[in-house]
């Protein structure tokens, strides 16, 4: 599922206020525990990062090329 920055902001705002109910758009979700809310935040962050990598906005890990030489003695 594609997440948006607005959803992440709503989740983080709810966590900062100590609320367990989050509303974005026309949907409302009530989390049972703070840990469940934190897990949702991590999931959205991971998804946003994956979207950025897939679209080319965030570079992937750099490729490493190692060159070794010797004189052959």
PDB file of N, CA and C in Angstrom:
ATOM      1  N   UNK A   1       0.838  -1.171   0.000  1.00  0.00           N
ATOM      2  CA  UNK A   1       0.000   0.000   0.000  1.00  0.00           C
ATOM      3  C   UNK A   1       0.882   1.233   0.000  1.00  0.00           C
ATOM      4  N   UNK A   2       0.560   2.188  -0.809  1.00  0.00           N
ATOM      5  CA  UNK A   2       1.333   3.420  -0.884  1.00  0.00           C
ATOM      6  C   UNK A   2       0.880   4.375   0.223  1.00  0.00           C
ATOM      7  N   UNK A   3       1.852   4.872   0.942  1.00  0.00           N
ATOM      8  CA  UNK A   3       1.573   5.831   2.010  1.00  0.00           C
ATOM      9  C   UNK A   3       2.035   7.208   1.577  1.00  0.00           C
ATOM     10  N   UNK A   4       1.566   8.230   2.266  1.00  0.00           N
ATOM     11  CA  UNK A   4       1.956   9.600   1.934  1.00  0.00           C
ATOM     12  C   UNK A   4       2.599  10.265   3.151  1.00  0.00           C
ATOM     13  N   UNK A   5       3.250  11.373   2.875  1.00  0.00           N
ATOM     14  CA  UNK A   5       3.876  12.142   3.946  1.00  0.00           C
ATOM     15  C   UNK A   5       2.820  12.676   4.912  1.00  0.00           C
ATOM     16  N   UNK A   6       1.627  12.986   4.402  1.00  0.00           N
ATOM     17  CA  UNK A   6       0.536  13.466   5.260  1.00  0.00           C
ATOM     18  C   UNK A   6       0.133  12.408   6.287  1.00  0.00           C
ATOM     19  N   UNK A   7       0.126  11.152   5.868  1.00  0.00           N
ATOM     20  CA  UNK A   7      -0.213  10.076   6.801  1.00  0.00           C
ATOM     21  C   UNK A   7       0.844   9.954   7.892  1.00  0.00           C
ATOM     22  N   UNK A   8       2.104  10.068   7.503  1.00  0.00           N
ATOM     23  CA  UNK A   8       3.184   9.999   8.487  1.00  0.00           C
ATOM     24  C   UNK A   8       3.078  11.152   9.477  1.00  0.00           C
ATOM     25  N   UNK A   9       2.791  12.341   8.981  1.00  0.00           N
ATOM     26  CA  UNK A   9       2.643  13.505   9.846  1.00  0.00           C
ATOM     27  C   UNK A   9       1.486  13.321  10.825  1.00  0.00           C
ATOM     28  N   UNK A  10       0.369  12.783  10.338  1.00  0.00           N
ATOM     29  CA  UNK A  10      -0.789  12.554  11.208  1.00  0.00           C
ATOM     30  C   UNK A  10      -0.458  11.538  12.295  1.00  0.00           C
ATOM     31  N   UNK A  11       0.258  10.479  11.947  1.00  0.00           N
ATOM     32  CA  UNK A  11       0.635   9.467  12.938  1.00  0.00           C
ATOM     33  C   UNK A  11       1.585  10.047  13.987  1.00  0.00           C
ATOM     34  N   UNK A  12       2.581  10.792  13.535  1.00  0.00           N
ATOM     35  CA  UNK A  12       3.548  11.366  14.476  1.00  0.00           C
ATOM     36  C   UNK A  12       2.906  12.421  15.370  1.00  0.00           C
ATOM     37  N   UNK A  13       1.971  13.186  14.831  1.00  0.00           N
ATOM     38  CA  UNK A  13       1.261  14.186  15.627  1.00  0.00           C
ATOM     39  C   UNK A  13       0.421  13.516  16.705  1.00  0.00           C
ATOM     40  N   UNK A  14      -0.261  12.438  16.339  1.00  0.00           N
ATOM     41  CA  UNK A  14      -1.070  11.705  17.315  1.00  0.00           C
ATOM     42  C   UNK A  14      -0.188  11.137  18.420  1.00  0.00           C
ATOM     43  N   UNK A  15       0.961  10.606  18.055  1.00  0.00           N
ATOM     44  CA  UNK A  15       1.879  10.051  19.054  1.00  0.00           C
ATOM     45  C   UNK A  15       2.378  11.153  19.985  1.00  0.00           C
ATOM     46  N   UNK A  16       2.710  12.314  19.436  1.00  0.00           N
ATOM     47  CA  UNK A  16       3.202  13.425  20.251  1.00  0.00           C
ATOM     48  C   UNK A  16       2.140  13.940  21.219  1.00  0.00           C
ATOM     49  N   UNK A  17       0.876  13.903  20.802  1.00  0.00           N
ATOM     50  CA  UNK A  17      -0.218  14.372  21.651  1.00  0.00           C
ATOM     51  C   UNK A  17      -0.696  13.301  22.631  1.00  0.00           C
ATOM     52  N   UNK A  18      -0.230  12.072  22.452  1.00  0.00           N
ATOM     53  CA  UNK A  18      -0.655  10.987  23.327  1.00  0.00           C
ATOM     54  C   UNK A  18      -1.988  10.383  22.920  1.00  0.00           C
ATOM     55  N   UNK A  19      -2.409  10.643  21.702  1.00  0.00           N
ATOM     56  CA  UNK A  19      -3.683  10.103  21.221  1.00  0.00           C
ATOM     57  C   UNK A  19      -3.451   8.751  20.543  1.00  0.00           C
ATOM     58  N   UNK A  20      -4.488   7.950  20.522  1.00  0.00           N
ATOM     59  CA  UNK A  20      -4.404   6.662  19.846  1.00  0.00           C
ATOM     60  C   UNK A  20      -5.303   6.614  18.617  1.00  0.00           C
ATOM     61  N   UNK A  21      -6.050   7.685  18.378  1.00  0.00           N
ATOM     62  CA  UNK A  21      -6.945   7.760  17.226  1.00  0.00           C
ATOM     63  C   UNK A  21      -6.340   8.712  16.200  1.00  0.00           C
ATOM     64  N   UNK A  22      -6.216   8.224  14.959  1.00  0.00           N
ATOM     65  CA  UNK A  22      -5.615   9.002  13.887  1.00  0.00           C
ATOM     66  C   UNK A  22      -6.615   9.113  12.749  1.00  0.00           C
ATOM     67  N   UNK A  23      -6.776  10.338  12.230  1.00  0.00           N
ATOM     68  CA  UNK A  23      -7.668  10.566  11.097  1.00  0.00           C
ATOM     69  C   UNK A  23      -6.888  11.220   9.977  1.00  0.00           C
ATOM     70  N   UNK A  24      -6.944  10.614   8.800  1.00  0.00           N
ATOM     71  CA  UNK A  24      -6.407  11.245   7.602  1.00  0.00           C
ATOM     72  C   UNK A  24      -7.357  10.932   6.460  1.00  0.00           C
ATOM     73  N   UNK A  25      -7.714  12.001   5.767  1.00  0.00           N
ATOM     74  CA  UNK A  25      -8.719  11.851   4.728  1.00  0.00           C
ATOM     75  C   UNK A  25     -10.063  11.557   5.374  1.00  0.00           C
ATOM     76  N   UNK A  26     -10.747  10.569   4.858  1.00  0.00           N
ATOM     77  CA  UNK A  26     -12.046  10.192   5.402  1.00  0.00           C
ATOM     78  C   UNK A  26     -11.969   8.938   6.269  1.00  0.00           C
ATOM     79  N   UNK A  27     -10.742   8.517   6.618  1.00  0.00           N
ATOM     80  CA  UNK A  27     -10.568   7.302   7.413  1.00  0.00           C
ATOM     81  C   UNK A  27     -10.060   7.631   8.805  1.00  0.00           C
ATOM     82  N   UNK A  28     -10.572   6.905   9.776  1.00  0.00           N
ATOM     83  CA  UNK A  28     -10.130   7.033  11.155  1.00  0.00           C
ATOM     84  C   UNK A  28      -9.690   5.667  11.653  1.00  0.00           C
ATOM     85  N   UNK A  29      -8.515   5.633  12.267  1.00  0.00           N
ATOM     86  CA  UNK A  29      -7.982   4.385  12.808  1.00  0.00           C
ATOM     87  C   UNK A  29      -7.683   4.615  14.277  1.00  0.00           C
ATOM     88  N   UNK A  30      -8.115   3.675  15.121  1.00  0.00           N
ATOM     89  CA  UNK A  30      -7.801   3.758  16.541  1.00  0.00           C
ATOM     90  C   UNK A  30      -6.877   2.596  16.896  1.00  0.00           C
ATOM     91  N   UNK A  31      -5.698   2.940  17.387  1.00  0.00           N
ATOM     92  CA  UNK A  31      -4.707   1.932  17.759  1.00  0.00           C
ATOM     93  C   UNK A  31      -4.917   1.541  19.215  1.00  0.00           C
ATOM     94  N   UNK A  32      -4.646   0.279  19.528  1.00  0.00           N
ATOM     95  CA  UNK A  32      -4.874  -0.217  20.887  1.00  0.00           C
ATOM     96  C   UNK A  32      -3.782   0.216  21.849  1.00  0.00           C
ATOM     97  N   UNK A  33      -2.539   0.225  21.350  1.00  0.00           N
ATOM     98  CA  UNK A  33      -1.417   0.572  22.226  1.00  0.00           C
ATOM     99  C   UNK A  33      -0.507   1.578  21.540  1.00  0.00           C
ATOM    100  N   UNK A  34       0.351   2.184  22.326  1.00  0.00           N
ATOM    101  CA  UNK A  34       1.336   3.117  21.785  1.00  0.00           C
ATOM    102  C   UNK A  34       2.335   2.360  20.909  1.00  0.00           C
ATOM    103  N   UNK A  35       2.671   1.142  21.298  1.00  0.00           N
ATOM    104  CA  UNK A  35       3.600   0.330  20.523  1.00  0.00           C
ATOM    105  C   UNK A  35       3.042   0.037  19.131  1.00  0.00           C
ATOM    106  N   UNK A  36       1.735  -0.183  19.056  1.00  0.00           N
ATOM    107  CA  UNK A  36       1.095  -0.429  17.771  1.00  0.00           C
ATOM    108  C   UNK A  36       1.160   0.827  16.901  1.00  0.00           C
ATOM    109  N   UNK A  37       0.998   1.988  17.496  1.00  0.00           N
ATOM    110  CA  UNK A  37       1.102   3.252  16.783  1.00  0.00           C
ATOM    111  C   UNK A  37       2.537   3.477  16.308  1.00  0.00           C
ATOM    112  N   UNK A  38       3.504   3.186  17.153  1.00  0.00           N
ATOM    113  CA  UNK A  38       4.912   3.323  16.761  1.00  0.00           C
ATOM    114  C   UNK A  38       5.265   2.367  15.633  1.00  0.00           C
ATOM    115  N   UNK A  39       4.708   1.171  15.668  1.00  0.00           N
ATOM    116  CA  UNK A  39       4.927   0.206  14.599  1.00  0.00           C
ATOM    117  C   UNK A  39       4.350   0.716  13.283  1.00  0.00           C
ATOM    118  N   UNK A  40       3.188   1.350  13.339  1.00  0.00           N
ATOM    119  CA  UNK A  40       2.580   1.917  12.138  1.00  0.00           C
ATOM    120  C   UNK A  40       3.450   3.036  11.575  1.00  0.00           C
ATOM    121  N   UNK A  41       4.033   3.846  12.447  1.00  0.00           N
ATOM    122  CA  UNK A  41       4.919   4.924  12.004  1.00  0.00           C
ATOM    123  C   UNK A  41       6.136   4.346  11.293  1.00  0.00           C
ATOM    124  N   UNK A  42       6.731   3.324  11.861  1.00  0.00           N
ATOM    125  CA  UNK A  42       7.902   2.698  11.237  1.00  0.00           C
ATOM    126  C   UNK A  42       7.548   2.083   9.887  1.00  0.00           C
ATOM    127  N   UNK A  43       6.364   1.483   9.788  1.00  0.00           N
ATOM    128  CA  UNK A  43       5.924   0.895   8.522  1.00  0.00           C
ATOM    129  C   UNK A  43       5.758   1.968   7.457  1.00  0.00           C
ATOM    130  N   UNK A  44       5.171   3.095   7.821  1.00  0.00           N
ATOM    131  CA  UNK A  44       4.972   4.181   6.859  1.00  0.00           C
ATOM    132  C   UNK A  44       6.319   4.772   6.451  1.00  0.00           C
ATOM    133  N   UNK A  45       7.234   4.950   7.399  1.00  0.00           N
ATOM    134  CA  UNK A  45       8.561   5.475   7.070  1.00  0.00           C
ATOM    135  C   UNK A  45       9.285   4.544   6.105  1.00  0.00           C
ATOM    136  N   UNK A  46       9.222   3.232   6.371  1.00  0.00           N
ATOM    137  CA  UNK A  46       9.869   2.253   5.508  1.00  0.00           C
ATOM    138  C   UNK A  46       9.274   2.307   4.100  1.00  0.00           C
ATOM    139  N   UNK A  47       7.942   2.416   4.019  1.00  0.00           N
ATOM    140  CA  UNK A  47       7.271   2.462   2.726  1.00  0.00           C
ATOM    141  C   UNK A  47       7.633   3.740   1.965  1.00  0.00           C
ATOM    142  N   UNK A  48       7.681   4.866   2.653  1.00  0.00           N
ATOM    143  CA  UNK A  48       8.066   6.122   2.001  1.00  0.00           C
ATOM    144  C   UNK A  48       9.500   6.055   1.482  1.00  0.00           C
ATOM    145  N   UNK A  49      10.380   5.420   2.246  1.00  0.00           N
ATOM    146  CA  UNK A  49      11.769   5.261   1.808  1.00  0.00           C
ATOM    147  C   UNK A  49      11.832   4.370   0.569  1.00  0.00           C
ATOM    148  N   UNK A  50      11.094   3.267   0.582  1.00  0.00           N
ATOM    149  CA  UNK A  50      11.066   2.362  -0.571  1.00  0.00           C
ATOM    150  C   UNK A  50      10.515   3.058  -1.809  1.00  0.00           C
ATOM    151  N   UNK A  51       9.492   3.900  -1.629  1.00  0.00           N
ATOM    152  CA  UNK A  51       8.937   4.659  -2.755  1.00  0.00           C
ATOM    153  C   UNK A  51       9.974   5.629  -3.316  1.00  0.00           C
ATOM    154  N   UNK A  52      10.720   6.280  -2.432  1.00  0.00           N
ATOM    155  CA  UNK A  52      11.735   7.237  -2.874  1.00  0.00           C
ATOM    156  C   UNK A  52      12.855   6.530  -3.635  1.00  0.00           C
ATOM    157  N   UNK A  53      13.255   5.362  -3.169  1.00  0.00           N
ATOM    158  CA  UNK A  53      14.302   4.598  -3.855  1.00  0.00           C
ATOM    159  C   UNK A  53      13.802   4.141  -5.223  1.00  0.00           C
ATOM    160  N   UNK A  54      12.563   3.648  -5.288  1.00  0.00           N
ATOM    161  CA  UNK A  54      12.009   3.153  -6.543  1.00  0.00           C
ATOM    162  C   UNK A  54      11.850   4.271  -7.583  1.00  0.00           C
ATOM    163  N   UNK A  55      11.550   5.468  -7.126  1.00  0.00           N
ATOM    164  CA  UNK A  55      11.351   6.577  -8.057  1.00  0.00           C
ATOM    165  C   UNK A  55      12.661   7.282  -8.411  1.00  0.00           C
ATOM    166  N   UNK A  56      13.741   6.914  -7.745  1.00  0.00           N
ATOM    167  CA  UNK A  56      15.033   7.523  -8.034  1.00  0.00           C
ATOM    168  C   UNK A  56      15.309   8.789  -7.239  1.00  0.00           C
ATOM    169  N   UNK A  57      14.411   9.155  -6.323  1.00  0.00           N
ATOM    170  CA  UNK A  57      14.633  10.350  -5.522  1.00  0.00           C
ATOM    171  C   UNK A  57      15.681  10.124  -4.439  1.00  0.00           C
ATOM    172  N   UNK A  58      15.842   8.904  -4.034  1.00  0.00           N
ATOM    173  CA  UNK A  58      16.808   8.562  -2.993  1.00  0.00           C
ATOM    174  C   UNK A  58      17.740   7.515  -3.584  1.00  0.00           C
ATOM    175  N   UNK A  59      19.027   7.759  -3.560  1.00  0.00           N
ATOM    176  CA  UNK A  59      19.928   6.803  -4.202  1.00  0.00           C
ATOM    177  C   UNK A  59      20.016   5.493  -3.428  1.00  0.00           C
ATOM    178  N   UNK A  60      20.226   4.458  -4.173  1.00  0.00           N
ATOM    179  CA  UNK A  60      20.446   3.148  -3.555  1.00  0.00           C
ATOM    180  C   UNK A  60      21.856   3.121  -2.973  1.00  0.00           C
ATOM    181  N   UNK A  61      22.165   2.047  -2.332  1.00  0.00           N
ATOM    182  CA  UNK A  61      23.493   1.909  -1.755  1.00  0.00           C
ATOM    183  C   UNK A  61      24.537   1.978  -2.878  1.00  0.00           C
ATOM    184  N   UNK A  62      25.627   2.667  -2.645  1.00  0.00           N
ATOM    185  CA  UNK A  62      26.631   2.790  -3.701  1.00  0.00           C
ATOM    186  C   UNK A  62      27.278   1.451  -4.022  1.00  0.00           C
ATOM    187  N   UNK A  63      27.550   1.258  -5.289  1.00  0.00           N
ATOM    188  CA  UNK A  63      28.243   0.047  -5.703  1.00  0.00           C
ATOM    189  C   UNK A  63      29.719   0.215  -5.445  1.00  0.00           C
ATOM    190  N   UNK A  64      30.353  -0.830  -5.025  1.00  0.00           N
ATOM    191  CA  UNK A  64      31.782  -0.768  -4.769  1.00  0.00           C
ATOM    192  C   UNK A  64      32.502  -1.633  -5.788  1.00  0.00           C
ATOM    193  N   UNK A  65      33.522  -1.074  -6.362  1.00  0.00           N
ATOM    194  CA  UNK A  65      34.361  -1.825  -7.294  1.00  0.00           C
ATOM    195  C   UNK A  65      35.761  -1.829  -6.698  1.00  0.00           C
ATOM    196  N   UNK A  66      36.263  -3.005  -6.472  1.00  0.00           N
ATOM    197  CA  UNK A  66      37.598  -3.129  -5.882  1.00  0.00           C
ATOM    198  C   UNK A  66      38.565  -3.638  -6.957  1.00  0.00           C
ATOM    199  N   UNK A  67      39.664  -2.965  -7.049  1.00  0.00           N
ATOM    200  CA  UNK A  67      40.678  -3.337  -8.018  1.00  0.00           C
ATOM    201  C   UNK A  67      41.940  -3.701  -7.248  1.00  0.00           C
ATOM    202  N   UNK A  68      42.458  -4.857  -7.514  1.00  0.00           N
ATOM    203  CA  UNK A  68      43.711  -5.258  -6.880  1.00  0.00           C
ATOM    204  C   UNK A  68      44.704  -5.613  -7.997  1.00  0.00           C
ATOM    205  N   UNK A  69      45.926  -5.261  -7.767  1.00  0.00           N
ATOM    206  CA  UNK A  69      46.973  -5.557  -8.740  1.00  0.00           C
ATOM    207  C   UNK A  69      48.178  -6.132  -8.018  1.00  0.00           C
ATOM    208  N   UNK A  70      48.957  -6.832  -8.766  1.00  0.00           N
ATOM    209  CA  UNK A  70      50.234  -7.321  -8.234  1.00  0.00           C
ATOM    210  C   UNK A  70      51.208  -7.471  -9.418  1.00  0.00           C
ATOM    211  N   UNK A  71      52.456  -7.552  -9.117  1.00  0.00           N
ATOM    212  CA  UNK A  71      53.458  -7.654 -10.156  1.00  0.00           C
ATOM    213  C   UNK A  71      53.599  -9.088 -10.671  1.00  0.00           C
ATOM    214  N   UNK A  72      53.018 -10.016  -9.990  1.00  0.00           N
ATOM    215  CA  UNK A  72      53.065 -11.398 -10.458  1.00  0.00           C
ATOM    216  C   UNK A  72      54.308 -12.154 -10.034  1.00  0.00           C
ATOM    217  N   UNK A  73      55.081 -11.671  -9.129  1.00  0.00           N
ATOM    218  CA  UNK A  73      56.297 -12.372  -8.699  1.00  0.00           C
ATOM    219  C   UNK A  73      55.973 -13.456  -7.783  1.00  0.00           C
TER     220      UNK A  73
END
